[in-house]
Structure formats: C-alpha cells, structure tokens
Amino acid sequence: MFTELNLPTYSFRIKKEGNKQLIYDNIRKKFLVLTPEEWVRQNFIQFLIKEKGFSASLMAIETGLKINLNQFRADLLVYNRSGNPLLVVEFKAPQVKISQDTFNQIARYNMKFRVPYLIVSNGLDHYCCQLDFEQENYVFLKEIPSFSSIS
C-alpha cells in the first residue's frame, strides 16, 4: 500500500471510492484522498497525539496565510492551551528529500506565525528546531519534544 514510515504503526479508516483510496482525517472530520503526503501527515499527527501528548483539539490543518500577496497553507499548526501558535509542521511525501528549500518554506511561514518550534518530516526523516527570537538563533533538537515540555 503506502511506504512504511519511521513512526509507530497506527490504524486508520481507509476506503476506496472509484479508483481512489481515501483516509479519514480525525481533525477535519472527513475522508481525504490518500496521497503519499497525506499518509505522512495522518501518521505524524497520530504520533504527536499518542506518543507526544499533543491534543487534537489544538491542531489546525492547512491554515491559510498570506505572504507578499501570495496565498499559502501551513500543513499543520499546533496551538498551546492559551490559543497561541506553538509549532508549525511541514510534511513532504516519503520520496521527497528534506532540503534547504523545505526549511526556507517553513521559515517563510513562520515570519507570519512566529512560533518557537518548527518541524519538517517526510515520514522517514524528522527535523525539529527551536527558535529563540530574542537571541535571533535556533537549535536543532535531537527528538520531537512532548507537548508538556514545550507548552
């Protein structure tokens, strides 16, 4: 079916409609076309919820933003309990290598959101960095932090 990811295994509601496979998105409460990127997104969201203690109710998928009159969508925006943006995640399909362009893309989004944590993942490789706006620097973390450690 889909690529085995570098994440724990989760079960999903998957159905076939015509020649398309659909996966149920518990955040958006609807079935979506099961693309390789969507497979990564759904698995990573479950990882954040089940392994890292994030709340599904604090997640927003494909949040729109405007940069220089251009419209973009952040793949996943997670808020803290006060309703402030906490982290942005950019997903790529497993066959897409994480590159500097991926980080440039999420950094552009973060000019708008100004979150302290950025994550990029293709389901096989995951990178998380913590930003310090006062010191104007960032550090890559060895692992994805738990919600309780960053909120």
N, C-alpha and C. Protein backbone atom coordinates (compact mmCIF):
# COMPACT_ATOMS: atom_id res chain seq x y z
N MET A 1 0.85 -1.20 0.00
CA MET A 1 0.00 0.00 0.00
C MET A 1 0.88 1.24 0.00
N PHE A 2 1.12 1.83 1.17
CA PHE A 2 1.95 3.02 1.25
C PHE A 2 3.26 2.72 1.96
N THR A 3 4.20 3.58 1.77
CA THR A 3 5.54 3.42 2.33
C THR A 3 5.48 3.24 3.84
N GLU A 4 6.27 2.30 4.34
CA GLU A 4 6.42 2.16 5.78
C GLU A 4 7.23 3.35 6.26
N LEU A 5 6.75 3.99 7.31
CA LEU A 5 7.36 5.22 7.79
C LEU A 5 8.21 4.97 9.03
N ASN A 6 9.02 5.93 9.36
CA ASN A 6 9.86 5.88 10.55
C ASN A 6 9.05 6.45 11.73
N LEU A 7 7.91 5.83 11.96
CA LEU A 7 6.97 6.22 13.02
C LEU A 7 6.31 4.93 13.51
N PRO A 8 5.73 4.96 14.72
CA PRO A 8 4.96 3.79 15.16
C PRO A 8 3.81 3.52 14.17
N THR A 9 3.27 2.32 14.21
CA THR A 9 2.16 1.95 13.32
C THR A 9 0.83 2.32 13.98
N TYR A 10 -0.03 2.94 13.21
CA TYR A 10 -1.37 3.34 13.68
C TYR A 10 -2.41 2.78 12.74
N SER A 11 -3.63 2.63 13.23
CA SER A 11 -4.71 2.16 12.37
C SER A 11 -5.55 3.35 11.92
N PHE A 12 -6.01 3.28 10.70
CA PHE A 12 -6.79 4.37 10.10
C PHE A 12 -8.01 3.80 9.40
N ARG A 13 -9.01 4.65 9.25
CA ARG A 13 -10.18 4.30 8.44
C ARG A 13 -9.84 4.65 7.00
N ILE A 14 -9.72 3.63 6.16
CA ILE A 14 -9.39 3.82 4.76
C ILE A 14 -10.49 3.16 3.93
N LYS A 15 -10.92 3.85 2.88
CA LYS A 15 -11.92 3.27 1.99
C LYS A 15 -11.56 3.59 0.55
N LYS A 16 -12.18 2.84 -0.34
CA LYS A 16 -11.94 3.04 -1.77
C LYS A 16 -13.19 3.67 -2.38
N GLU A 17 -12.97 4.69 -3.20
CA GLU A 17 -14.08 5.35 -3.89
C GLU A 17 -13.66 5.50 -5.35
N GLY A 18 -14.27 4.73 -6.22
CA GLY A 18 -13.82 4.72 -7.61
C GLY A 18 -12.41 4.12 -7.65
N ASN A 19 -11.48 4.85 -8.25
CA ASN A 19 -10.10 4.37 -8.31
C ASN A 19 -9.21 5.07 -7.28
N LYS A 20 -9.83 5.77 -6.33
CA LYS A 20 -9.07 6.50 -5.30
C LYS A 20 -9.22 5.86 -3.94
N GLN A 21 -8.14 5.88 -3.17
CA GLN A 21 -8.21 5.49 -1.77
C GLN A 21 -8.37 6.75 -0.95
N LEU A 22 -9.21 6.67 0.07
CA LEU A 22 -9.46 7.81 0.96
C LEU A 22 -9.10 7.41 2.39
N ILE A 23 -8.62 8.38 3.15
CA ILE A 23 -8.29 8.17 4.55
C ILE A 23 -9.10 9.16 5.38
N TYR A 24 -9.61 8.70 6.52
CA TYR A 24 -10.40 9.58 7.38
C TYR A 24 -9.47 10.44 8.22
N ASP A 25 -9.68 11.74 8.16
CA ASP A 25 -8.92 12.72 8.93
C ASP A 25 -9.73 13.06 10.18
N ASN A 26 -9.24 12.63 11.35
CA ASN A 26 -9.96 12.87 12.60
C ASN A 26 -9.99 14.34 13.01
N ILE A 27 -9.07 15.14 12.51
CA ILE A 27 -9.05 16.57 12.85
C ILE A 27 -10.12 17.30 12.03
N ARG A 28 -10.13 17.06 10.73
CA ARG A 28 -11.09 17.74 9.85
C ARG A 28 -12.42 17.01 9.75
N LYS A 29 -12.49 15.80 10.33
CA LYS A 29 -13.73 15.02 10.37
C LYS A 29 -14.29 14.72 8.98
N LYS A 30 -13.39 14.28 8.07
CA LYS A 30 -13.84 13.91 6.73
C LYS A 30 -12.80 13.02 6.07
N PHE A 31 -13.24 12.31 5.02
CA PHE A 31 -12.34 11.49 4.23
C PHE A 31 -11.61 12.36 3.22
N LEU A 32 -10.32 12.08 3.03
CA LEU A 32 -9.49 12.81 2.08
C LEU A 32 -8.77 11.83 1.17
N VAL A 33 -8.40 12.29 -0.02
CA VAL A 33 -7.64 11.44 -0.94
C VAL A 33 -6.32 11.07 -0.27
N LEU A 34 -6.02 9.80 -0.30
CA LEU A 34 -4.82 9.28 0.38
C LEU A 34 -3.62 9.40 -0.56
N THR A 35 -2.98 10.56 -0.51
CA THR A 35 -1.74 10.79 -1.25
C THR A 35 -0.57 10.41 -0.35
N PRO A 36 0.63 10.26 -0.90
CA PRO A 36 1.79 9.97 -0.04
C PRO A 36 2.00 11.04 1.05
N GLU A 37 1.81 12.31 0.71
CA GLU A 37 1.97 13.37 1.71
C GLU A 37 0.88 13.27 2.79
N GLU A 38 -0.33 12.96 2.39
CA GLU A 38 -1.42 12.81 3.37
C GLU A 38 -1.15 11.63 4.29
N TRP A 39 -0.56 10.57 3.76
CA TRP A 39 -0.18 9.41 4.58
C TRP A 39 0.80 9.83 5.67
N VAL A 40 1.79 10.64 5.29
CA VAL A 40 2.76 11.15 6.27
C VAL A 40 2.05 12.04 7.30
N ARG A 41 1.21 12.96 6.83
CA ARG A 41 0.50 13.87 7.74
C ARG A 41 -0.33 13.10 8.77
N GLN A 42 -1.13 12.14 8.31
CA GLN A 42 -2.01 11.41 9.22
C GLN A 42 -1.21 10.60 10.24
N ASN A 43 -0.14 9.98 9.80
CA ASN A 43 0.70 9.22 10.73
C ASN A 43 1.41 10.13 11.72
N PHE A 44 1.92 11.25 11.25
CA PHE A 44 2.65 12.16 12.14
C PHE A 44 1.72 12.80 13.17
N ILE A 45 0.51 13.12 12.75
CA ILE A 45 -0.48 13.67 13.70
C ILE A 45 -0.76 12.65 14.80
N GLN A 46 -0.93 11.38 14.42
CA GLN A 46 -1.15 10.34 15.44
C GLN A 46 0.06 10.21 16.36
N PHE A 47 1.25 10.33 15.80
CA PHE A 47 2.47 10.30 16.60
C PHE A 47 2.46 11.44 17.63
N LEU A 48 2.12 12.65 17.19
CA LEU A 48 2.08 13.79 18.12
C LEU A 48 1.05 13.57 19.23
N ILE A 49 -0.10 13.01 18.87
CA ILE A 49 -1.18 12.80 19.84
C ILE A 49 -0.84 11.65 20.79
N LYS A 50 -0.52 10.51 20.22
CA LYS A 50 -0.37 9.29 21.04
C LYS A 50 0.97 9.17 21.73
N GLU A 51 2.04 9.64 21.11
CA GLU A 51 3.38 9.47 21.70
C GLU A 51 3.86 10.73 22.42
N LYS A 52 3.42 11.90 21.96
CA LYS A 52 3.98 13.15 22.49
C LYS A 52 2.98 13.98 23.28
N GLY A 53 1.75 13.49 23.43
CA GLY A 53 0.78 14.14 24.31
C GLY A 53 0.15 15.41 23.80
N PHE A 54 0.17 15.63 22.49
CA PHE A 54 -0.49 16.81 21.92
C PHE A 54 -1.99 16.55 21.83
N SER A 55 -2.77 17.60 21.89
CA SER A 55 -4.23 17.47 21.82
C SER A 55 -4.72 17.76 20.41
N ALA A 56 -5.53 16.86 19.89
CA ALA A 56 -6.10 17.06 18.55
C ALA A 56 -6.89 18.36 18.48
N SER A 57 -7.51 18.76 19.58
CA SER A 57 -8.32 19.98 19.58
C SER A 57 -7.48 21.25 19.44
N LEU A 58 -6.17 21.13 19.60
CA LEU A 58 -5.28 22.30 19.45
C LEU A 58 -4.56 22.30 18.11
N MET A 59 -5.02 21.45 17.18
CA MET A 59 -4.36 21.34 15.87
C MET A 59 -5.24 21.92 14.77
N ALA A 60 -4.59 22.61 13.83
CA ALA A 60 -5.27 23.14 12.65
C ALA A 60 -4.49 22.70 11.42
N ILE A 61 -5.19 22.11 10.46
CA ILE A 61 -4.56 21.59 9.25
C ILE A 61 -4.79 22.56 8.10
N GLU A 62 -3.72 22.78 7.33
CA GLU A 62 -3.75 23.65 6.15
C GLU A 62 -4.30 25.03 6.48
N THR A 63 -3.69 25.65 7.48
CA THR A 63 -4.04 27.00 7.88
C THR A 63 -3.55 27.99 6.82
N GLY A 64 -4.45 28.80 6.32
CA GLY A 64 -4.09 29.75 5.28
C GLY A 64 -3.30 30.93 5.83
N LEU A 65 -2.39 31.43 5.00
CA LEU A 65 -1.64 32.63 5.35
C LEU A 65 -1.25 33.34 4.06
N LYS A 66 -1.03 34.64 4.17
CA LYS A 66 -0.67 35.44 3.01
C LYS A 66 0.71 36.02 3.24
N ILE A 67 1.59 35.84 2.24
CA ILE A 67 2.94 36.41 2.28
C ILE A 67 3.15 37.15 0.97
N ASN A 68 3.39 38.46 1.06
CA ASN A 68 3.60 39.27 -0.15
C ASN A 68 2.52 39.05 -1.20
N LEU A 69 1.29 39.12 -0.79
CA LEU A 69 0.12 38.96 -1.65
C LEU A 69 -0.07 37.55 -2.20
N ASN A 70 0.78 36.60 -1.81
CA ASN A 70 0.62 35.21 -2.22
C ASN A 70 -0.03 34.40 -1.11
N GLN A 71 -0.92 33.51 -1.50
CA GLN A 71 -1.65 32.68 -0.54
C GLN A 71 -0.92 31.35 -0.36
N PHE A 72 -0.70 30.93 0.90
CA PHE A 72 -0.05 29.67 1.22
C PHE A 72 -0.88 28.95 2.27
N ARG A 73 -0.51 27.69 2.54
CA ARG A 73 -1.17 26.91 3.59
C ARG A 73 -0.10 26.18 4.39
N ALA A 74 -0.15 26.35 5.70
CA ALA A 74 0.73 25.58 6.58
C ALA A 74 0.11 24.20 6.77
N ASP A 75 0.91 23.15 6.61
CA ASP A 75 0.39 21.79 6.69
C ASP A 75 -0.24 21.49 8.05
N LEU A 76 0.43 21.90 9.12
CA LEU A 76 -0.12 21.68 10.47
C LEU A 76 0.36 22.80 11.37
N LEU A 77 -0.57 23.43 12.04
CA LEU A 77 -0.28 24.46 13.03
C LEU A 77 -0.84 23.97 14.36
N VAL A 78 0.00 23.96 15.38
CA VAL A 78 -0.43 23.49 16.70
C VAL A 78 -0.37 24.66 17.66
N TYR A 79 -1.41 24.78 18.47
CA TYR A 79 -1.53 25.87 19.43
C TYR A 79 -1.25 25.37 20.85
N ASN A 80 -0.90 26.31 21.74
CA ASN A 80 -0.81 25.96 23.15
C ASN A 80 -2.19 26.12 23.77
N ARG A 81 -2.32 25.82 25.05
CA ARG A 81 -3.64 25.87 25.70
C ARG A 81 -4.21 27.29 25.81
N SER A 82 -3.37 28.29 25.63
CA SER A 82 -3.83 29.69 25.65
C SER A 82 -4.31 30.14 24.28
N GLY A 83 -4.17 29.27 23.28
CA GLY A 83 -4.62 29.61 21.93
C GLY A 83 -3.57 30.31 21.09
N ASN A 84 -2.32 30.32 21.55
CA ASN A 84 -1.24 30.93 20.78
C ASN A 84 -0.52 29.85 19.96
N PRO A 85 -0.13 30.18 18.73
CA PRO A 85 0.58 29.20 17.91
C PRO A 85 1.87 28.75 18.60
N LEU A 86 2.11 27.44 18.60
CA LEU A 86 3.25 26.84 19.30
C LEU A 86 4.25 26.23 18.33
N LEU A 87 3.73 25.52 17.32
CA LEU A 87 4.64 24.92 16.35
C LEU A 87 3.97 24.78 15.00
N VAL A 88 4.81 24.79 13.96
CA VAL A 88 4.35 24.58 12.59
C VAL A 88 5.07 23.35 12.07
N VAL A 89 4.32 22.50 11.34
CA VAL A 89 4.90 21.30 10.74
C VAL A 89 4.68 21.35 9.24
N GLU A 90 5.73 21.05 8.49
CA GLU A 90 5.64 20.93 7.04
C GLU A 90 5.88 19.47 6.68
N PHE A 91 4.96 18.90 5.91
CA PHE A 91 5.06 17.50 5.51
C PHE A 91 5.43 17.39 4.04
N LYS A 92 6.21 16.37 3.74
CA LYS A 92 6.55 16.02 2.37
C LYS A 92 6.28 14.53 2.20
N ALA A 93 6.10 14.10 0.97
CA ALA A 93 5.93 12.68 0.67
C ALA A 93 7.24 11.96 1.00
N PRO A 94 7.18 10.67 1.33
CA PRO A 94 8.39 9.94 1.70
C PRO A 94 9.51 9.98 0.66
N GLN A 95 9.16 10.04 -0.60
CA GLN A 95 10.19 10.05 -1.64
C GLN A 95 10.83 11.42 -1.83
N VAL A 96 10.29 12.45 -1.17
CA VAL A 96 10.83 13.81 -1.28
C VAL A 96 11.86 14.01 -0.17
N LYS A 97 13.08 14.29 -0.56
CA LYS A 97 14.16 14.53 0.41
C LYS A 97 13.93 15.87 1.10
N ILE A 98 14.18 15.91 2.40
CA ILE A 98 14.11 17.16 3.15
C ILE A 98 15.34 17.98 2.75
N SER A 99 15.11 19.19 2.27
CA SER A 99 16.21 20.01 1.76
C SER A 99 16.17 21.40 2.39
N GLN A 100 17.13 22.21 2.01
CA GLN A 100 17.15 23.60 2.46
C GLN A 100 15.88 24.32 2.01
N ASP A 101 15.37 23.98 0.83
CA ASP A 101 14.14 24.60 0.33
C ASP A 101 12.97 24.32 1.28
N THR A 102 12.94 23.13 1.85
CA THR A 102 11.87 22.78 2.81
C THR A 102 11.96 23.70 4.03
N PHE A 103 13.17 23.89 4.54
CA PHE A 103 13.34 24.78 5.69
C PHE A 103 13.04 26.23 5.32
N ASN A 104 13.42 26.65 4.11
CA ASN A 104 13.11 28.01 3.67
C ASN A 104 11.60 28.21 3.62
N GLN A 105 10.88 27.20 3.15
CA GLN A 105 9.42 27.28 3.06
C GLN A 105 8.81 27.46 4.45
N ILE A 106 9.19 26.63 5.41
CA ILE A 106 8.60 26.71 6.74
C ILE A 106 9.06 27.99 7.47
N ALA A 107 10.28 28.45 7.18
CA ALA A 107 10.76 29.71 7.77
C ALA A 107 9.95 30.89 7.25
N ARG A 108 9.59 30.87 5.97
CA ARG A 108 8.74 31.93 5.42
C ARG A 108 7.39 31.94 6.13
N TYR A 109 6.80 30.76 6.32
CA TYR A 109 5.52 30.68 7.03
C TYR A 109 5.67 31.23 8.44
N ASN A 110 6.80 30.96 9.05
CA ASN A 110 6.98 31.37 10.44
C ASN A 110 7.19 32.87 10.59
N MET A 111 7.47 33.58 9.51
CA MET A 111 7.52 35.04 9.60
C MET A 111 6.13 35.55 10.01
N LYS A 112 5.12 34.83 9.61
CA LYS A 112 3.73 35.18 9.94
C LYS A 112 3.34 34.64 11.33
N PHE A 113 3.64 33.37 11.60
CA PHE A 113 3.17 32.73 12.83
C PHE A 113 4.04 33.02 14.05
N ARG A 114 5.36 33.15 13.83
CA ARG A 114 6.33 33.40 14.91
C ARG A 114 6.21 32.38 16.04
N VAL A 115 6.22 31.10 15.67
CA VAL A 115 6.17 30.02 16.66
C VAL A 115 7.59 29.68 17.10
N PRO A 116 7.73 29.13 18.30
CA PRO A 116 9.07 28.78 18.78
C PRO A 116 9.60 27.43 18.28
N TYR A 117 8.75 26.61 17.62
CA TYR A 117 9.18 25.29 17.15
C TYR A 117 8.74 25.06 15.72
N LEU A 118 9.67 24.54 14.91
CA LEU A 118 9.39 24.16 13.52
C LEU A 118 9.76 22.69 13.34
N ILE A 119 8.90 21.96 12.64
CA ILE A 119 9.17 20.55 12.35
C ILE A 119 8.96 20.33 10.86
N VAL A 120 9.86 19.57 10.25
CA VAL A 120 9.67 19.11 8.88
C VAL A 120 9.83 17.59 8.89
N SER A 121 8.98 16.92 8.12
CA SER A 121 9.02 15.46 8.09
C SER A 121 8.55 14.95 6.74
N ASN A 122 9.23 13.90 6.26
CA ASN A 122 8.74 13.17 5.10
C ASN A 122 8.31 11.75 5.53
N GLY A 123 8.15 11.59 6.84
CA GLY A 123 7.75 10.30 7.40
C GLY A 123 8.91 9.39 7.68
N LEU A 124 10.03 9.64 7.02
CA LEU A 124 11.24 8.84 7.21
C LEU A 124 12.26 9.62 8.04
N ASP A 125 12.42 10.89 7.69
CA ASP A 125 13.32 11.80 8.42
C ASP A 125 12.48 12.91 9.03
N HIS A 126 12.76 13.22 10.30
CA HIS A 126 12.03 14.27 11.01
C HIS A 126 13.06 15.23 11.60
N TYR A 127 12.84 16.50 11.41
CA TYR A 127 13.73 17.52 11.97
C TYR A 127 12.90 18.52 12.74
N CYS A 128 13.39 18.86 13.91
CA CYS A 128 12.70 19.85 14.75
C CYS A 128 13.72 20.88 15.21
N CYS A 129 13.38 22.13 15.06
CA CYS A 129 14.27 23.15 15.60
C CYS A 129 13.48 24.09 16.51
N GLN A 130 14.19 24.58 17.50
CA GLN A 130 13.65 25.53 18.46
C GLN A 130 14.24 26.89 18.15
N LEU A 131 13.37 27.88 18.04
CA LEU A 131 13.80 29.23 17.71
C LEU A 131 13.85 30.09 18.96
N ASP A 132 14.84 30.96 19.01
CA ASP A 132 14.96 31.94 20.08
C ASP A 132 14.95 33.31 19.40
N PHE A 133 13.80 33.97 19.47
CA PHE A 133 13.64 35.25 18.77
C PHE A 133 14.47 36.36 19.41
N GLU A 134 14.64 36.31 20.72
CA GLU A 134 15.44 37.34 21.39
C GLU A 134 16.91 37.25 21.00
N GLN A 135 17.44 36.04 20.99
CA GLN A 135 18.85 35.84 20.62
C GLN A 135 19.06 35.73 19.11
N GLU A 136 17.94 35.67 18.37
CA GLU A 136 17.96 35.54 16.91
C GLU A 136 18.77 34.33 16.45
N ASN A 137 18.49 33.17 17.09
CA ASN A 137 19.15 31.94 16.67
C ASN A 137 18.20 30.77 16.81
N TYR A 138 18.68 29.60 16.43
CA TYR A 138 17.88 28.38 16.52
C TYR A 138 18.81 27.21 16.78
N VAL A 139 18.23 26.15 17.34
CA VAL A 139 18.97 24.91 17.55
C VAL A 139 18.10 23.75 17.09
N PHE A 140 18.73 22.75 16.49
CA PHE A 140 18.03 21.53 16.12
C PHE A 140 17.98 20.62 17.34
N LEU A 141 16.82 20.07 17.61
CA LEU A 141 16.64 19.18 18.75
C LEU A 141 16.87 17.74 18.33
N LYS A 142 17.33 16.93 19.26
CA LYS A 142 17.61 15.52 18.95
C LYS A 142 16.33 14.72 18.72
N GLU A 143 15.24 15.16 19.35
CA GLU A 143 13.96 14.47 19.15
C GLU A 143 12.81 15.45 19.22
N ILE A 144 11.67 15.01 18.76
CA ILE A 144 10.46 15.83 18.81
C ILE A 144 10.05 15.95 20.28
N PRO A 145 9.90 17.18 20.80
CA PRO A 145 9.55 17.32 22.22
C PRO A 145 8.10 16.95 22.49
N SER A 146 7.83 16.61 23.74
CA SER A 146 6.44 16.34 24.15
C SER A 146 5.72 17.67 24.34
N PHE A 147 4.40 17.61 24.28
CA PHE A 147 3.60 18.83 24.47
C PHE A 147 3.86 19.42 25.85
N SER A 148 3.92 18.58 26.86
CA SER A 148 4.09 19.09 28.23
C SER A 148 5.44 19.79 28.42
N SER A 149 6.45 19.42 27.65
CA SER A 149 7.77 20.05 27.82
C SER A 149 7.89 21.39 27.10
N ILE A 150 6.98 21.69 26.18
CA ILE A 150 7.12 22.96 25.44
C ILE A 150 5.94 23.90 25.60
N SER A 151 4.87 23.48 26.24
CA SER A 151 3.69 24.35 26.33
C SER A 151 3.64 25.13 27.62
